[in-house]
mmCIF file of all heavy atoms, coordinates in Angstrom:
data_MODEL
# 
_entry.id   MODEL 
# 
loop_
_atom_site.group_PDB 
_atom_site.id 
_atom_site.type_symbol 
_atom_site.label_atom_id 
_atom_site.label_alt_id 
_atom_site.label_comp_id 
_atom_site.label_asym_id 
_atom_site.label_entity_id 
_atom_site.label_seq_id 
_atom_site.pdbx_PDB_ins_code 
_atom_site.Cartn_x 
_atom_site.Cartn_y 
_atom_site.Cartn_z 
_atom_site.occupancy 
_atom_site.B_iso_or_equiv 
_atom_site.pdbx_formal_charge 
_atom_site.auth_seq_id 
_atom_site.auth_comp_id 
_atom_site.auth_asym_id 
_atom_site.auth_atom_id 
_atom_site.pdbx_PDB_model_num 
ATOM 1   N N   . ASP A 1 1  ? 90.207 85.785  108.904 1.00 0.00 ? 1  ASP A N   1 
ATOM 2   C CA  . ASP A 1 1  ? 91.316 86.656  108.500 1.00 0.00 ? 1  ASP A CA  1 
ATOM 3   C C   . ASP A 1 1  ? 92.368 86.760  109.600 1.00 0.00 ? 1  ASP A C   1 
ATOM 4   O O   . ASP A 1 1  ? 93.559 86.899  109.306 1.00 0.00 ? 1  ASP A O   1 
ATOM 5   C CB  . ASP A 1 1  ? 90.789 88.063  108.179 1.00 0.00 ? 1  ASP A CB  1 
ATOM 6   C CG  . ASP A 1 1  ? 89.879 88.076  106.963 1.00 0.00 ? 1  ASP A CG  1 
ATOM 7   O OD1 . ASP A 1 1  ? 90.367 87.753  105.863 1.00 0.00 ? 1  ASP A OD1 1 
ATOM 8   O OD2 . ASP A 1 1  ? 88.686 88.391  107.112 1.00 0.00 ? 1  ASP A OD2 1 
ATOM 9   N N   . ALA A 1 2  ? 91.926 86.716  110.850 1.00 0.00 ? 2  ALA A N   1 
ATOM 10  C CA  . ALA A 1 2  ? 92.858 86.878  111.972 1.00 0.00 ? 2  ALA A CA  1 
ATOM 11  C C   . ALA A 1 2  ? 92.301 86.184  113.200 1.00 0.00 ? 2  ALA A C   1 
ATOM 12  O O   . ALA A 1 2  ? 91.090 85.940  113.307 1.00 0.00 ? 2  ALA A O   1 
ATOM 13  C CB  . ALA A 1 2  ? 93.088 88.367  112.254 1.00 0.00 ? 2  ALA A CB  1 
ATOM 14  N N   . PHE A 1 3  ? 93.196 85.871  114.126 1.00 0.00 ? 3  PHE A N   1 
ATOM 15  C CA  . PHE A 1 3  ? 92.827 85.202  115.377 1.00 0.00 ? 3  PHE A CA  1 
ATOM 16  C C   . PHE A 1 3  ? 93.387 85.958  116.573 1.00 0.00 ? 3  PHE A C   1 
ATOM 17  O O   . PHE A 1 3  ? 94.497 86.504  116.509 1.00 0.00 ? 3  PHE A O   1 
ATOM 18  C CB  . PHE A 1 3  ? 93.370 83.770  115.410 1.00 0.00 ? 3  PHE A CB  1 
ATOM 19  C CG  . PHE A 1 3  ? 92.745 82.846  114.408 1.00 0.00 ? 3  PHE A CG  1 
ATOM 20  C CD1 . PHE A 1 3  ? 93.265 82.747  113.124 1.00 0.00 ? 3  PHE A CD1 1 
ATOM 21  C CD2 . PHE A 1 3  ? 91.643 82.078  114.738 1.00 0.00 ? 3  PHE A CD2 1 
ATOM 22  C CE1 . PHE A 1 3  ? 92.704 81.903  112.180 1.00 0.00 ? 3  PHE A CE1 1 
ATOM 23  C CE2 . PHE A 1 3  ? 91.066 81.219  113.807 1.00 0.00 ? 3  PHE A CE2 1 
ATOM 24  C CZ  . PHE A 1 3  ? 91.594 81.137  112.524 1.00 0.00 ? 3  PHE A CZ  1 
ATOM 25  N N   . VAL A 1 4  ? 92.622 85.946  117.650 1.00 0.00 ? 4  VAL A N   1 
ATOM 26  C CA  . VAL A 1 4  ? 93.089 86.472  118.934 1.00 0.00 ? 4  VAL A CA  1 
ATOM 27  C C   . VAL A 1 4  ? 93.656 85.305  119.723 1.00 0.00 ? 4  VAL A C   1 
ATOM 28  O O   . VAL A 1 4  ? 92.933 84.348  120.024 1.00 0.00 ? 4  VAL A O   1 
ATOM 29  C CB  . VAL A 1 4  ? 91.938 87.146  119.700 1.00 0.00 ? 4  VAL A CB  1 
ATOM 30  C CG1 . VAL A 1 4  ? 92.366 87.493  121.118 1.00 0.00 ? 4  VAL A CG1 1 
ATOM 31  C CG2 . VAL A 1 4  ? 91.477 88.393  118.957 1.00 0.00 ? 4  VAL A CG2 1 
ATOM 32  N N   . ILE A 1 5  ? 94.945 85.376  120.058 1.00 0.00 ? 5  ILE A N   1 
ATOM 33  C CA  . ILE A 1 5  ? 95.615 84.304  120.795 1.00 0.00 ? 5  ILE A CA  1 
ATOM 34  C C   . ILE A 1 5  ? 95.742 84.736  122.250 1.00 0.00 ? 5  ILE A C   1 
ATOM 35  O O   . ILE A 1 5  ? 96.585 85.552  122.613 1.00 0.00 ? 5  ILE A O   1 
ATOM 36  C CB  . ILE A 1 5  ? 97.006 83.995  120.191 1.00 0.00 ? 5  ILE A CB  1 
ATOM 37  C CG1 . ILE A 1 5  ? 96.899 83.737  118.691 1.00 0.00 ? 5  ILE A CG1 1 
ATOM 38  C CG2 . ILE A 1 5  ? 97.645 82.806  120.913 1.00 0.00 ? 5  ILE A CG2 1 
ATOM 39  C CD1 . ILE A 1 5  ? 96.001 82.583  118.294 1.00 0.00 ? 5  ILE A CD1 1 
ATOM 40  N N   . GLY A 1 6  ? 94.869 84.206  123.084 1.00 0.00 ? 6  GLY A N   1 
ATOM 41  C CA  . GLY A 1 6  ? 94.880 84.556  124.499 1.00 0.00 ? 6  GLY A CA  1 
ATOM 42  C C   . GLY A 1 6  ? 93.564 85.150  124.943 1.00 0.00 ? 6  GLY A C   1 
ATOM 43  O O   . GLY A 1 6  ? 92.515 84.923  124.340 1.00 0.00 ? 6  GLY A O   1 
ATOM 44  N N   . GLU A 1 7  ? 93.623 85.938  125.994 1.00 0.00 ? 7  GLU A N   1 
ATOM 45  C CA  . GLU A 1 7  ? 92.429 86.490  126.628 1.00 0.00 ? 7  GLU A CA  1 
ATOM 46  C C   . GLU A 1 7  ? 92.047 87.814  125.966 1.00 0.00 ? 7  GLU A C   1 
ATOM 47  O O   . GLU A 1 7  ? 92.892 88.690  125.760 1.00 0.00 ? 7  GLU A O   1 
ATOM 48  C CB  . GLU A 1 7  ? 92.673 86.647  128.129 1.00 0.00 ? 7  GLU A CB  1 
ATOM 49  C CG  . GLU A 1 7  ? 92.920 85.285  128.784 1.00 0.00 ? 7  GLU A CG  1 
ATOM 50  C CD  . GLU A 1 7  ? 93.367 85.378  130.231 1.00 0.00 ? 7  GLU A CD  1 
ATOM 51  O OE1 . GLU A 1 7  ? 93.294 86.481  130.831 1.00 0.00 ? 7  GLU A OE1 1 
ATOM 52  O OE2 . GLU A 1 7  ? 93.794 84.339  130.781 1.00 0.00 ? 7  GLU A OE2 1 
ATOM 53  N N   . GLY A 1 8  ? 90.773 87.934  125.648 1.00 0.00 ? 8  GLY A N   1 
ATOM 54  C CA  . GLY A 1 8  ? 90.302 89.059  124.858 1.00 0.00 ? 8  GLY A CA  1 
ATOM 55  C C   . GLY A 1 8  ? 90.594 90.412  125.472 1.00 0.00 ? 8  GLY A C   1 
ATOM 56  O O   . GLY A 1 8  ? 90.925 91.371  124.757 1.00 0.00 ? 8  GLY A O   1 
ATOM 57  N N   . GLU A 1 9  ? 90.494 90.518  126.790 1.00 0.00 ? 9  GLU A N   1 
ATOM 58  C CA  . GLU A 1 9  ? 90.738 91.816  127.442 1.00 0.00 ? 9  GLU A CA  1 
ATOM 59  C C   . GLU A 1 9  ? 92.159 92.299  127.212 1.00 0.00 ? 9  GLU A C   1 
ATOM 60  O O   . GLU A 1 9  ? 92.429 93.505  127.215 1.00 0.00 ? 9  GLU A O   1 
ATOM 61  C CB  . GLU A 1 9  ? 90.503 91.717  128.958 1.00 0.00 ? 9  GLU A CB  1 
ATOM 62  C CG  . GLU A 1 9  ? 89.124 91.228  129.346 1.00 0.00 ? 9  GLU A CG  1 
ATOM 63  C CD  . GLU A 1 9  ? 89.132 89.760  129.724 1.00 0.00 ? 9  GLU A CD  1 
ATOM 64  O OE1 . GLU A 1 9  ? 89.801 88.973  129.025 1.00 0.00 ? 9  GLU A OE1 1 
ATOM 65  O OE2 . GLU A 1 9  ? 88.501 89.414  130.733 1.00 0.00 ? 9  GLU A OE2 1 
ATOM 66  N N   . ALA A 1 10 ? 93.100 91.342  127.006 1.00 0.00 ? 10 ALA A N   1 
ATOM 67  C CA  . ALA A 1 10 ? 94.503 91.700  126.834 1.00 0.00 ? 10 ALA A CA  1 
ATOM 68  C C   . ALA A 1 10 ? 94.869 91.993  125.385 1.00 0.00 ? 10 ALA A C   1 
ATOM 69  O O   . ALA A 1 10 ? 95.940 92.526  125.122 1.00 0.00 ? 10 ALA A O   1 
ATOM 70  C CB  . ALA A 1 10 ? 95.391 90.574  127.373 1.00 0.00 ? 10 ALA A CB  1 
ATOM 71  N N   . VAL A 1 11 ? 93.982 91.625  124.442 1.00 0.00 ? 11 VAL A N   1 
ATOM 72  C CA  . VAL A 1 11 ? 94.310 91.772  123.024 1.00 0.00 ? 11 VAL A CA  1 
ATOM 73  C C   . VAL A 1 11 ? 93.397 92.768  122.307 1.00 0.00 ? 11 VAL A C   1 
ATOM 74  O O   . VAL A 1 11 ? 93.863 93.577  121.493 1.00 0.00 ? 11 VAL A O   1 
ATOM 75  C CB  . VAL A 1 11 ? 94.234 90.403  122.303 1.00 0.00 ? 11 VAL A CB  1 
ATOM 76  C CG1 . VAL A 1 11 ? 94.582 90.546  120.822 1.00 0.00 ? 11 VAL A CG1 1 
ATOM 77  C CG2 . VAL A 1 11 ? 95.149 89.386  122.963 1.00 0.00 ? 11 VAL A CG2 1 
ATOM 78  N N   . MET A 1 12 ? 92.098 92.728  122.592 1.00 0.00 ? 12 MET A N   1 
ATOM 79  C CA  . MET A 1 12 ? 91.135 93.488  121.784 1.00 0.00 ? 12 MET A CA  1 
ATOM 80  C C   . MET A 1 12 ? 91.359 95.000  121.804 1.00 0.00 ? 12 MET A C   1 
ATOM 81  O O   . MET A 1 12 ? 91.175 95.654  120.759 1.00 0.00 ? 12 MET A O   1 
ATOM 82  C CB  . MET A 1 12 ? 89.713 93.156  122.235 1.00 0.00 ? 12 MET A CB  1 
ATOM 83  C CG  . MET A 1 12 ? 89.254 91.754  121.848 1.00 0.00 ? 12 MET A CG  1 
ATOM 84  S SD  . MET A 1 12 ? 89.357 91.440  120.069 1.00 0.00 ? 12 MET A SD  1 
ATOM 85  C CE  . MET A 1 12 ? 88.177 92.614  119.430 1.00 0.00 ? 12 MET A CE  1 
ATOM 86  N N   . PRO A 1 13 ? 91.748 95.628  122.915 1.00 0.00 ? 13 PRO A N   1 
ATOM 87  C CA  . PRO A 1 13 ? 91.978 97.077  122.849 1.00 0.00 ? 13 PRO A CA  1 
ATOM 88  C C   . PRO A 1 13 ? 93.048 97.457  121.827 1.00 0.00 ? 13 PRO A C   1 
ATOM 89  O O   . PRO A 1 13 ? 92.838 98.368  121.004 1.00 0.00 ? 13 PRO A O   1 
ATOM 90  C CB  . PRO A 1 13 ? 92.413 97.422  124.282 1.00 0.00 ? 13 PRO A CB  1 
ATOM 91  C CG  . PRO A 1 13 ? 91.732 96.390  125.129 1.00 0.00 ? 13 PRO A CG  1 
ATOM 92  C CD  . PRO A 1 13 ? 91.812 95.134  124.312 1.00 0.00 ? 13 PRO A CD  1 
ATOM 93  N N   . ALA A 1 14 ? 94.184 96.741  121.840 1.00 0.00 ? 14 ALA A N   1 
ATOM 94  C CA  . ALA A 1 14 ? 95.252 97.048  120.881 1.00 0.00 ? 14 ALA A CA  1 
ATOM 95  C C   . ALA A 1 14 ? 94.845 96.667  119.471 1.00 0.00 ? 14 ALA A C   1 
ATOM 96  O O   . ALA A 1 14 ? 95.209 97.357  118.506 1.00 0.00 ? 14 ALA A O   1 
ATOM 97  C CB  . ALA A 1 14 ? 96.537 96.313  121.293 1.00 0.00 ? 14 ALA A CB  1 
ATOM 98  N N   . LEU A 1 15 ? 94.100 95.566  119.320 1.00 0.00 ? 15 LEU A N   1 
ATOM 99  C CA  . LEU A 1 15 ? 93.653 95.158  117.984 1.00 0.00 ? 15 LEU A CA  1 
ATOM 100 C C   . LEU A 1 15 ? 92.742 96.222  117.383 1.00 0.00 ? 15 LEU A C   1 
ATOM 101 O O   . LEU A 1 15 ? 92.900 96.607  116.217 1.00 0.00 ? 15 LEU A O   1 
ATOM 102 C CB  . LEU A 1 15 ? 92.934 93.814  118.073 1.00 0.00 ? 15 LEU A CB  1 
ATOM 103 C CG  . LEU A 1 15 ? 92.502 93.160  116.753 1.00 0.00 ? 15 LEU A CG  1 
ATOM 104 C CD1 . LEU A 1 15 ? 92.420 91.647  116.915 1.00 0.00 ? 15 LEU A CD1 1 
ATOM 105 C CD2 . LEU A 1 15 ? 91.141 93.663  116.268 1.00 0.00 ? 15 LEU A CD2 1 
ATOM 106 N N   . MET A 1 16 ? 91.793 96.727  118.166 1.00 0.00 ? 16 MET A N   1 
ATOM 107 C CA  . MET A 1 16 ? 90.866 97.723  117.641 1.00 0.00 ? 16 MET A CA  1 
ATOM 108 C C   . MET A 1 16 ? 91.564 99.064  117.407 1.00 0.00 ? 16 MET A C   1 
ATOM 109 O O   . MET A 1 16 ? 91.234 99.778  116.453 1.00 0.00 ? 16 MET A O   1 
ATOM 110 C CB  . MET A 1 16 ? 89.675 97.896  118.586 1.00 0.00 ? 16 MET A CB  1 
ATOM 111 C CG  . MET A 1 16 ? 88.772 96.671  118.665 1.00 0.00 ? 16 MET A CG  1 
ATOM 112 S SD  . MET A 1 16 ? 88.167 96.099  117.058 1.00 0.00 ? 16 MET A SD  1 
ATOM 113 C CE  . MET A 1 16 ? 87.181 97.495  116.509 1.00 0.00 ? 16 MET A CE  1 
ATOM 114 N N   . ASP A 1 17 ? 92.549 99.400  118.247 1.00 0.00 ? 17 ASP A N   1 
ATOM 115 C CA  . ASP A 1 17 ? 93.329 100.620 118.001 1.00 0.00 ? 17 ASP A CA  1 
ATOM 116 C C   . ASP A 1 17 ? 94.038 100.515 116.648 1.00 0.00 ? 17 ASP A C   1 
ATOM 117 O O   . ASP A 1 17 ? 94.027 101.453 115.848 1.00 0.00 ? 17 ASP A O   1 
ATOM 118 C CB  . ASP A 1 17 ? 94.361 100.827 119.110 1.00 0.00 ? 17 ASP A CB  1 
ATOM 119 C CG  . ASP A 1 17 ? 93.734 101.281 120.424 1.00 0.00 ? 17 ASP A CG  1 
ATOM 120 O OD1 . ASP A 1 17 ? 92.554 101.689 120.412 1.00 0.00 ? 17 ASP A OD1 1 
ATOM 121 O OD2 . ASP A 1 17 ? 94.436 101.216 121.456 1.00 0.00 ? 17 ASP A OD2 1 
ATOM 122 N N   . ALA A 1 18 ? 94.681 99.359  116.417 1.00 0.00 ? 18 ALA A N   1 
ATOM 123 C CA  . ALA A 1 18 ? 95.402 99.159  115.160 1.00 0.00 ? 18 ALA A CA  1 
ATOM 124 C C   . ALA A 1 18 ? 94.440 99.185  113.974 1.00 0.00 ? 18 ALA A C   1 
ATOM 125 O O   . ALA A 1 18 ? 94.756 99.751  112.915 1.00 0.00 ? 18 ALA A O   1 
ATOM 126 C CB  . ALA A 1 18 ? 96.166 97.837  115.200 1.00 0.00 ? 18 ALA A CB  1 
ATOM 127 N N   . TYR A 1 19 ? 93.275 98.583  114.138 1.00 0.00 ? 19 TYR A N   1 
ATOM 128 C CA  . TYR A 1 19 ? 92.286 98.574  113.051 1.00 0.00 ? 19 TYR A CA  1 
ATOM 129 C C   . TYR A 1 19 ? 91.887 100.003 112.670 1.00 0.00 ? 19 TYR A C   1 
ATOM 130 O O   . TYR A 1 19 ? 91.885 100.369 111.481 1.00 0.00 ? 19 TYR A O   1 
ATOM 131 C CB  . TYR A 1 19 ? 91.051 97.769  113.471 1.00 0.00 ? 19 TYR A CB  1 
ATOM 132 C CG  . TYR A 1 19 ? 89.923 97.859  112.474 1.00 0.00 ? 19 TYR A CG  1 
ATOM 133 C CD1 . TYR A 1 19 ? 89.897 97.050  111.345 1.00 0.00 ? 19 TYR A CD1 1 
ATOM 134 C CD2 . TYR A 1 19 ? 88.892 98.783  112.648 1.00 0.00 ? 19 TYR A CD2 1 
ATOM 135 C CE1 . TYR A 1 19 ? 88.878 97.154  110.408 1.00 0.00 ? 19 TYR A CE1 1 
ATOM 136 C CE2 . TYR A 1 19 ? 87.864 98.892  111.726 1.00 0.00 ? 19 TYR A CE2 1 
ATOM 137 C CZ  . TYR A 1 19 ? 87.868 98.080  110.607 1.00 0.00 ? 19 TYR A CZ  1 
ATOM 138 O OH  . TYR A 1 19 ? 86.857 98.196  109.683 1.00 0.00 ? 19 TYR A OH  1 
ATOM 139 N N   . HIS A 1 20 ? 91.574 100.807 113.664 1.00 0.00 ? 20 HIS A N   1 
ATOM 140 C CA  . HIS A 1 20 ? 91.137 102.170 113.371 1.00 0.00 ? 20 HIS A CA  1 
ATOM 141 C C   . HIS A 1 20 ? 92.272 103.015 112.790 1.00 0.00 ? 20 HIS A C   1 
ATOM 142 O O   . HIS A 1 20 ? 92.036 103.860 111.914 1.00 0.00 ? 20 HIS A O   1 
ATOM 143 C CB  . HIS A 1 20 ? 90.565 102.815 114.629 1.00 0.00 ? 20 HIS A CB  1 
ATOM 144 C CG  . HIS A 1 20 ? 89.200 102.313 114.993 1.00 0.00 ? 20 HIS A CG  1 
ATOM 145 N ND1 . HIS A 1 20 ? 88.971 101.440 116.023 1.00 0.00 ? 20 HIS A ND1 1 
ATOM 146 C CD2 . HIS A 1 20 ? 87.990 102.540 114.419 1.00 0.00 ? 20 HIS A CD2 1 
ATOM 147 C CE1 . HIS A 1 20 ? 87.676 101.162 116.092 1.00 0.00 ? 20 HIS A CE1 1 
ATOM 148 N NE2 . HIS A 1 20 ? 87.068 101.804 115.132 1.00 0.00 ? 20 HIS A NE2 1 
ATOM 149 N N   . GLU A 1 21 ? 93.484 102.789 113.257 1.00 0.00 ? 21 GLU A N   1 
ATOM 150 C CA  . GLU A 1 21 ? 94.632 103.505 112.682 1.00 0.00 ? 21 GLU A CA  1 
ATOM 151 C C   . GLU A 1 21 ? 94.791 103.158 111.206 1.00 0.00 ? 21 GLU A C   1 
ATOM 152 O O   . GLU A 1 21 ? 95.047 104.040 110.372 1.00 0.00 ? 21 GLU A O   1 
ATOM 153 C CB  . GLU A 1 21 ? 95.905 103.141 113.452 1.00 0.00 ? 21 GLU A CB  1 
ATOM 154 C CG  . GLU A 1 21 ? 95.965 103.732 114.858 1.00 0.00 ? 21 GLU A CG  1 
ATOM 155 C CD  . GLU A 1 21 ? 97.076 103.104 115.691 1.00 0.00 ? 21 GLU A CD  1 
ATOM 156 O OE1 . GLU A 1 21 ? 97.843 102.278 115.140 1.00 0.00 ? 21 GLU A OE1 1 
ATOM 157 O OE2 . GLU A 1 21 ? 97.157 103.422 116.897 1.00 0.00 ? 21 GLU A OE2 1 
ATOM 158 N N   . GLY A 1 22 ? 94.644 101.871 110.884 1.00 0.00 ? 22 GLY A N   1 
ATOM 159 C CA  . GLY A 1 22 ? 94.760 101.452 109.490 1.00 0.00 ? 22 GLY A CA  1 
ATOM 160 C C   . GLY A 1 22 ? 93.662 102.016 108.619 1.00 0.00 ? 22 GLY A C   1 
ATOM 161 O O   . GLY A 1 22 ? 93.911 102.432 107.470 1.00 0.00 ? 22 GLY A O   1 
ATOM 162 N N   . VAL A 1 23 ? 92.438 102.056 109.140 1.00 0.00 ? 23 VAL A N   1 
ATOM 163 C CA  . VAL A 1 23 ? 91.318 102.607 108.374 1.00 0.00 ? 23 VAL A CA  1 
ATOM 164 C C   . VAL A 1 23 ? 91.532 104.105 108.129 1.00 0.00 ? 23 VAL A C   1 
ATOM 165 O O   . VAL A 1 23 ? 91.316 104.610 107.020 1.00 0.00 ? 23 VAL A O   1 
ATOM 166 C CB  . VAL A 1 23 ? 89.986 102.349 109.108 1.00 0.00 ? 23 VAL A CB  1 
ATOM 167 C CG1 . VAL A 1 23 ? 88.840 103.124 108.445 1.00 0.00 ? 23 VAL A CG1 1 
ATOM 168 C CG2 . VAL A 1 23 ? 89.670 100.859 109.112 1.00 0.00 ? 23 VAL A CG2 1 
ATOM 169 N N   . ARG A 1 24 ? 91.961 104.820 109.180 1.00 0.00 ? 24 ARG A N   1 
ATOM 170 C CA  . ARG A 1 24 ? 92.203 106.264 109.010 1.00 0.00 ? 24 ARG A CA  1 
ATOM 171 C C   . ARG A 1 24 ? 93.313 106.534 107.995 1.00 0.00 ? 24 ARG A C   1 
ATOM 172 O O   . ARG A 1 24 ? 93.287 107.555 107.281 1.00 0.00 ? 24 ARG A O   1 
ATOM 173 C CB  . ARG A 1 24 ? 92.552 106.890 110.361 1.00 0.00 ? 24 ARG A CB  1 
ATOM 174 C CG  . ARG A 1 24 ? 91.370 107.056 111.294 1.00 0.00 ? 24 ARG A CG  1 
ATOM 175 C CD  . ARG A 1 24 ? 91.700 107.974 112.443 1.00 0.00 ? 24 ARG A CD  1 
ATOM 176 N NE  . ARG A 1 24 ? 92.752 107.423 113.293 1.00 0.00 ? 24 ARG A NE  1 
ATOM 177 C CZ  . ARG A 1 24 ? 92.536 106.649 114.351 1.00 0.00 ? 24 ARG A CZ  1 
ATOM 178 N NH1 . ARG A 1 24 ? 91.286 106.329 114.675 1.00 0.00 ? 24 ARG A NH1 1 
ATOM 179 N NH2 . ARG A 1 24 ? 93.531 106.193 115.072 1.00 0.00 ? 24 ARG A NH2 1 
# 
């Protein structure tokens, strides 16, 4: 469904924040 482009430490915090915001 989606890809992380780059280093996980630089992307995953914002990705998970956005995911939880969307779920809420």
